[in-house]
Amino acid sequence: MSINIRVAVKEDCARLLELVNELAVYEKAPEEVTVTLDEFIDAGFGKTKVWDAFIAEEDGFIAGFAIYYTRYSTWKGRRLYLEDFIVTEAYRGKGIGKLLFEAVIKEAGEKGFKGMSWQVLDWNQPAINFYNKYNAQLEAGWLNAAFSTEKLAELQNT
């Protein structure tokens, strides 16, 4: 198997969105994916681009990706945030995740970020085991908070 790690291009977006949906199924929340392909493309390649990604492919087949963006910590400064990281099921256990993750680590270093962060579900033991190989600091005690589109609209109209 010869895996090529490269930067994502616009033409990859349909496949990336398929992988996003695969990840959502794995994370037991397929109904949570509401982004359209057009919105996904615009967010990655439009005028106000917000994400970048690395692709893992074999013979033109996209087997995985790591999508990330810059976040800002008032305590630490610019940091890389790894939003999604997936290798399609048939390609897991072949070192592809390691290649993608290390490409993101290298990117964070080359861009001078003050660190890198991401989330992992507390029940996702395979992912936790993977991150433990890198001695990642897994933080307890933080709760995720969010507003949906509908809630934002409701709050704006009050």
C-alpha atoms as a PDB file:
ATOM      1  CA  MET A   1       0.000   0.000   0.000  1.00  0.00           C
ATOM      2  CA  SER A   2       1.361   3.386  -1.008  1.00  0.00           C
ATOM      3  CA  ILE A   3      -0.395   6.226   0.810  1.00  0.00           C
ATOM      4  CA  ASN A   4       0.046   9.798  -0.347  1.00  0.00           C
ATOM      5  CA  ILE A   5      -0.599  12.633   2.133  1.00  0.00           C
ATOM      6  CA  ARG A   6      -1.462  15.894   0.420  1.00  0.00           C
ATOM      7  CA  VAL A   7      -3.349  19.141   0.921  1.00  0.00           C
ATOM      8  CA  ALA A   8      -7.059  18.977   0.099  1.00  0.00           C
ATOM      9  CA  VAL A   9      -8.382  20.595  -3.074  1.00  0.00           C
ATOM     10  CA  LYS A  10     -11.907  21.725  -3.896  1.00  0.00           C
ATOM     11  CA  GLU A  11     -12.590  18.613  -5.968  1.00  0.00           C
ATOM     12  CA  ASP A  12     -12.096  16.456  -2.828  1.00  0.00           C
ATOM     13  CA  CYS A  13     -15.048  17.966  -0.980  1.00  0.00           C
ATOM     14  CA  ALA A  14     -17.749  15.490  -2.027  1.00  0.00           C
ATOM     15  CA  ARG A  15     -15.619  12.591  -0.752  1.00  0.00           C
ATOM     16  CA  LEU A  16     -14.681  14.502   2.402  1.00  0.00           C
ATOM     17  CA  LEU A  17     -18.351  15.037   3.164  1.00  0.00           C
ATOM     18  CA  GLU A  18     -18.952  11.294   2.697  1.00  0.00           C
ATOM     19  CA  LEU A  19     -16.254  10.687   5.301  1.00  0.00           C
ATOM     20  CA  VAL A  20     -17.802  13.298   7.607  1.00  0.00           C
ATOM     21  CA  ASN A  21     -21.034  11.324   7.418  1.00  0.00           C
ATOM     22  CA  GLU A  22     -19.162   8.069   8.094  1.00  0.00           C
ATOM     23  CA  LEU A  23     -17.627   9.681  11.173  1.00  0.00           C
ATOM     24  CA  ALA A  24     -21.049  10.897  12.335  1.00  0.00           C
ATOM     25  CA  VAL A  25     -22.427   7.356  12.071  1.00  0.00           C
ATOM     26  CA  TYR A  26     -19.443   6.043  14.059  1.00  0.00           C
ATOM     27  CA  GLU A  27     -20.042   8.730  16.685  1.00  0.00           C
ATOM     28  CA  LYS A  28     -23.730   7.740  16.864  1.00  0.00           C
ATOM     29  CA  ALA A  29     -25.001  11.095  15.597  1.00  0.00           C
ATOM     30  CA  PRO A  30     -25.674  10.858  11.840  1.00  0.00           C
ATOM     31  CA  GLU A  31     -28.600  13.285  12.094  1.00  0.00           C
ATOM     32  CA  GLU A  32     -26.262  16.003  13.354  1.00  0.00           C
ATOM     33  CA  VAL A  33     -24.585  16.507   9.953  1.00  0.00           C
ATOM     34  CA  THR A  34     -26.569  19.330   8.360  1.00  0.00           C
ATOM     35  CA  VAL A  35     -23.896  21.094   6.304  1.00  0.00           C
ATOM     36  CA  THR A  36     -24.516  21.093   2.553  1.00  0.00           C
ATOM     37  CA  LEU A  37     -21.835  20.334  -0.003  1.00  0.00           C
ATOM     38  CA  ASP A  38     -21.971  23.928  -1.279  1.00  0.00           C
ATOM     39  CA  GLU A  39     -21.501  25.301   2.240  1.00  0.00           C
ATOM     40  CA  PHE A  40     -18.681  22.836   2.904  1.00  0.00           C
ATOM     41  CA  ILE A  41     -16.913  23.860  -0.314  1.00  0.00           C
ATOM     42  CA  ASP A  42     -17.361  27.566   0.429  1.00  0.00           C
ATOM     43  CA  ALA A  43     -15.975  27.156   3.954  1.00  0.00           C
ATOM     44  CA  GLY A  44     -12.865  25.442   2.613  1.00  0.00           C
ATOM     45  CA  PHE A  45     -12.307  27.257  -0.665  1.00  0.00           C
ATOM     46  CA  GLY A  46     -14.492  30.385  -0.731  1.00  0.00           C
ATOM     47  CA  LYS A  47     -13.705  34.034  -0.058  1.00  0.00           C
ATOM     48  CA  THR A  48     -13.930  33.568   3.702  1.00  0.00           C
ATOM     49  CA  LYS A  49     -12.213  30.196   3.917  1.00  0.00           C
ATOM     50  CA  VAL A  50     -12.108  28.799   7.449  1.00  0.00           C
ATOM     51  CA  TRP A  51     -10.624  25.306   7.201  1.00  0.00           C
ATOM     52  CA  ASP A  52      -7.704  23.428   5.697  1.00  0.00           C
ATOM     53  CA  ALA A  53      -7.234  19.686   5.393  1.00  0.00           C
ATOM     54  CA  PHE A  54      -4.775  16.946   4.671  1.00  0.00           C
ATOM     55  CA  ILE A  55      -5.906  13.999   2.570  1.00  0.00           C
ATOM     56  CA  ALA A  56      -4.666  10.416   2.704  1.00  0.00           C
ATOM     57  CA  GLU A  57      -5.131   8.679  -0.619  1.00  0.00           C
ATOM     58  CA  GLU A  58      -4.129   5.463  -2.308  1.00  0.00           C
ATOM     59  CA  ASP A  59      -4.285   5.314  -6.098  1.00  0.00           C
ATOM     60  CA  GLY A  60      -6.655   8.299  -6.180  1.00  0.00           C
ATOM     61  CA  PHE A  61      -8.994   6.902  -3.496  1.00  0.00           C
ATOM     62  CA  ILE A  62      -9.380   9.185  -0.467  1.00  0.00           C
ATOM     63  CA  ALA A  63      -9.081   6.889   2.546  1.00  0.00           C
ATOM     64  CA  GLY A  64      -8.991   9.568   5.228  1.00  0.00           C
ATOM     65  CA  PHE A  65      -8.530  13.194   6.103  1.00  0.00           C
ATOM     66  CA  ALA A  66      -7.676  15.592   8.892  1.00  0.00           C
ATOM     67  CA  ILE A  67      -9.467  18.954   8.797  1.00  0.00           C
ATOM     68  CA  TYR A  68      -8.221  21.819  10.944  1.00  0.00           C
ATOM     69  CA  TYR A  69      -8.345  25.553  11.459  1.00  0.00           C
ATOM     70  CA  THR A  70      -6.766  28.304  13.527  1.00  0.00           C
ATOM     71  CA  ARG A  71      -8.323  29.105  16.870  1.00  0.00           C
ATOM     72  CA  TYR A  72      -7.260  31.770  19.290  1.00  0.00           C
ATOM     73  CA  SER A  73      -6.735  31.300  23.007  1.00  0.00           C
ATOM     74  CA  THR A  74      -6.576  34.464  25.081  1.00  0.00           C
ATOM     75  CA  TRP A  75      -4.310  32.541  27.428  1.00  0.00           C
ATOM     76  CA  LYS A  76      -2.006  30.869  24.910  1.00  0.00           C
ATOM     77  CA  GLY A  77      -2.286  32.638  21.534  1.00  0.00           C
ATOM     78  CA  ARG A  78      -2.805  31.075  18.108  1.00  0.00           C
ATOM     79  CA  ARG A  79      -3.415  27.339  18.232  1.00  0.00           C
ATOM     80  CA  LEU A  80      -4.279  24.733  15.648  1.00  0.00           C
ATOM     81  CA  TYR A  81      -7.658  23.062  16.213  1.00  0.00           C
ATOM     82  CA  LEU A  82      -8.104  19.601  14.718  1.00  0.00           C
ATOM     83  CA  GLU A  83     -11.821  19.501  13.913  1.00  0.00           C
ATOM     84  CA  ASP A  84     -12.197  16.070  12.341  1.00  0.00           C
ATOM     85  CA  PHE A  85      -9.808  13.231  11.762  1.00  0.00           C
ATOM     86  CA  ILE A  86     -10.983  10.019  10.134  1.00  0.00           C
ATOM     87  CA  VAL A  87      -9.695   7.024   8.242  1.00  0.00           C
ATOM     88  CA  THR A  88     -12.412   5.030   6.503  1.00  0.00           C
ATOM     89  CA  GLU A  89     -13.055   1.711   8.224  1.00  0.00           C
ATOM     90  CA  ALA A  90     -11.506  -0.581   5.589  1.00  0.00           C
ATOM     91  CA  TYR A  91      -8.210   1.329   5.803  1.00  0.00           C
ATOM     92  CA  ARG A  92      -7.834   1.490   9.593  1.00  0.00           C
ATOM     93  CA  GLY A  93      -4.906  -0.185  11.311  1.00  0.00           C
ATOM     94  CA  LYS A  94      -2.511   0.456   8.408  1.00  0.00           C
ATOM     95  CA  GLY A  95      -0.699   3.520   9.772  1.00  0.00           C
ATOM     96  CA  ILE A  96      -2.719   6.070   7.796  1.00  0.00           C
ATOM     97  CA  GLY A  97      -3.982   7.824  10.910  1.00  0.00           C
ATOM     98  CA  LYS A  98      -0.399   8.229  12.103  1.00  0.00           C
ATOM     99  CA  LEU A  99       0.599   9.813   8.768  1.00  0.00           C
ATOM    100  CA  LEU A 100      -2.324  12.249   8.847  1.00  0.00           C
ATOM    101  CA  PHE A 101      -1.912  13.153  12.520  1.00  0.00           C
ATOM    102  CA  GLU A 102       1.801  13.774  12.105  1.00  0.00           C
ATOM    103  CA  ALA A 103       1.138  15.962   9.047  1.00  0.00           C
ATOM    104  CA  VAL A 104      -1.111  18.124  11.227  1.00  0.00           C
ATOM    105  CA  ILE A 105       1.493  18.233  14.019  1.00  0.00           C
ATOM    106  CA  LYS A 106       4.115  19.323  11.485  1.00  0.00           C
ATOM    107  CA  GLU A 107       1.776  22.016  10.124  1.00  0.00           C
ATOM    108  CA  ALA A 108       1.205  23.402  13.628  1.00  0.00           C
ATOM    109  CA  GLY A 109       4.944  23.601  14.190  1.00  0.00           C
ATOM    110  CA  GLU A 110       5.724  25.158  10.821  1.00  0.00           C
ATOM    111  CA  LYS A 111       3.063  27.836  11.304  1.00  0.00           C
ATOM    112  CA  GLY A 112       4.370  28.680  14.768  1.00  0.00           C
ATOM    113  CA  PHE A 113       1.167  27.820  16.621  1.00  0.00           C
ATOM    114  CA  LYS A 114       1.368  27.824  20.416  1.00  0.00           C
ATOM    115  CA  GLY A 115      -0.191  24.379  20.565  1.00  0.00           C
ATOM    116  CA  MET A 116      -2.752  22.048  19.082  1.00  0.00           C
ATOM    117  CA  SER A 117      -6.068  20.895  20.467  1.00  0.00           C
ATOM    118  CA  TRP A 118      -8.974  18.630  19.578  1.00  0.00           C
ATOM    119  CA  GLN A 119     -11.789  16.690  21.195  1.00  0.00           C
ATOM    120  CA  VAL A 120     -12.308  12.975  21.616  1.00  0.00           C
ATOM    121  CA  LEU A 121     -15.441  11.290  22.884  1.00  0.00           C
ATOM    122  CA  ASP A 122     -14.891   9.673  26.275  1.00  0.00           C
ATOM    123  CA  TRP A 123     -16.198   6.305  25.005  1.00  0.00           C
ATOM    124  CA  ASN A 124     -13.978   6.247  21.895  1.00  0.00           C
ATOM    125  CA  GLN A 125     -11.284   4.007  23.347  1.00  0.00           C
ATOM    126  CA  PRO A 126      -9.495   3.313  20.020  1.00  0.00           C
ATOM    127  CA  ALA A 127      -9.013   7.068  19.517  1.00  0.00           C
ATOM    128  CA  ILE A 128      -7.969   7.588  23.141  1.00  0.00           C
ATOM    129  CA  ASN A 129      -5.421   4.779  22.796  1.00  0.00           C
ATOM    130  CA  PHE A 130      -4.100   6.405  19.605  1.00  0.00           C
ATOM    131  CA  TYR A 131      -3.678   9.815  21.275  1.00  0.00           C
ATOM    132  CA  ASN A 132      -2.077   8.213  24.341  1.00  0.00           C
ATOM    133  CA  LYS A 133       0.711   6.921  22.063  1.00  0.00           C
ATOM    134  CA  TYR A 134       1.613  10.588  21.590  1.00  0.00           C
ATOM    135  CA  ASN A 135       1.308  11.334  25.319  1.00  0.00           C
ATOM    136  CA  ALA A 136      -1.508  13.779  24.545  1.00  0.00           C
ATOM    137  CA  GLN A 137      -2.931  15.673  27.491  1.00  0.00           C
ATOM    138  CA  LEU A 138      -6.552  14.509  27.781  1.00  0.00           C
ATOM    139  CA  GLU A 139      -8.403  17.071  29.876  1.00  0.00           C
ATOM    140  CA  ALA A 140     -11.253  16.212  32.203  1.00  0.00           C
ATOM    141  CA  GLY A 141     -13.605  18.738  33.703  1.00  0.00           C
ATOM    142  CA  TRP A 142     -14.605  20.703  30.601  1.00  0.00           C
ATOM    143  CA  LEU A 143     -18.127  20.625  29.235  1.00  0.00           C
ATOM    144  CA  ASN A 144     -18.930  21.455  25.621  1.00  0.00           C
ATOM    145  CA  ALA A 145     -21.398  24.294  25.107  1.00  0.00           C
ATOM    146  CA  ALA A 146     -23.150  25.222  21.865  1.00  0.00           C
ATOM    147  CA  PHE A 147     -26.115  26.946  20.241  1.00  0.00           C
ATOM    148  CA  SER A 148     -27.909  25.554  17.197  1.00  0.00           C
ATOM    149  CA  THR A 149     -28.922  27.744  14.253  1.00  0.00           C
ATOM    150  CA  GLU A 150     -32.480  27.716  15.573  1.00  0.00           C
ATOM    151  CA  LYS A 151     -31.402  28.734  19.070  1.00  0.00           C
ATOM    152  CA  LEU A 152     -29.272  31.579  17.706  1.00  0.00           C
ATOM    153  CA  ALA A 153     -32.268  32.874  15.740  1.00  0.00           C
ATOM    154  CA  GLU A 154     -34.478  32.584  18.810  1.00  0.00           C
ATOM    155  CA  LEU A 155     -31.997  34.489  20.968  1.00  0.00           C
ATOM    156  CA  GLN A 156     -31.593  37.232  18.364  1.00  0.00           C
ATOM    157  CA  ASN A 157     -35.351  37.775  18.260  1.00  0.00           C
ATOM    158  CA  THR A 158     -35.822  38.215  21.996  1.00  0.00           C
END
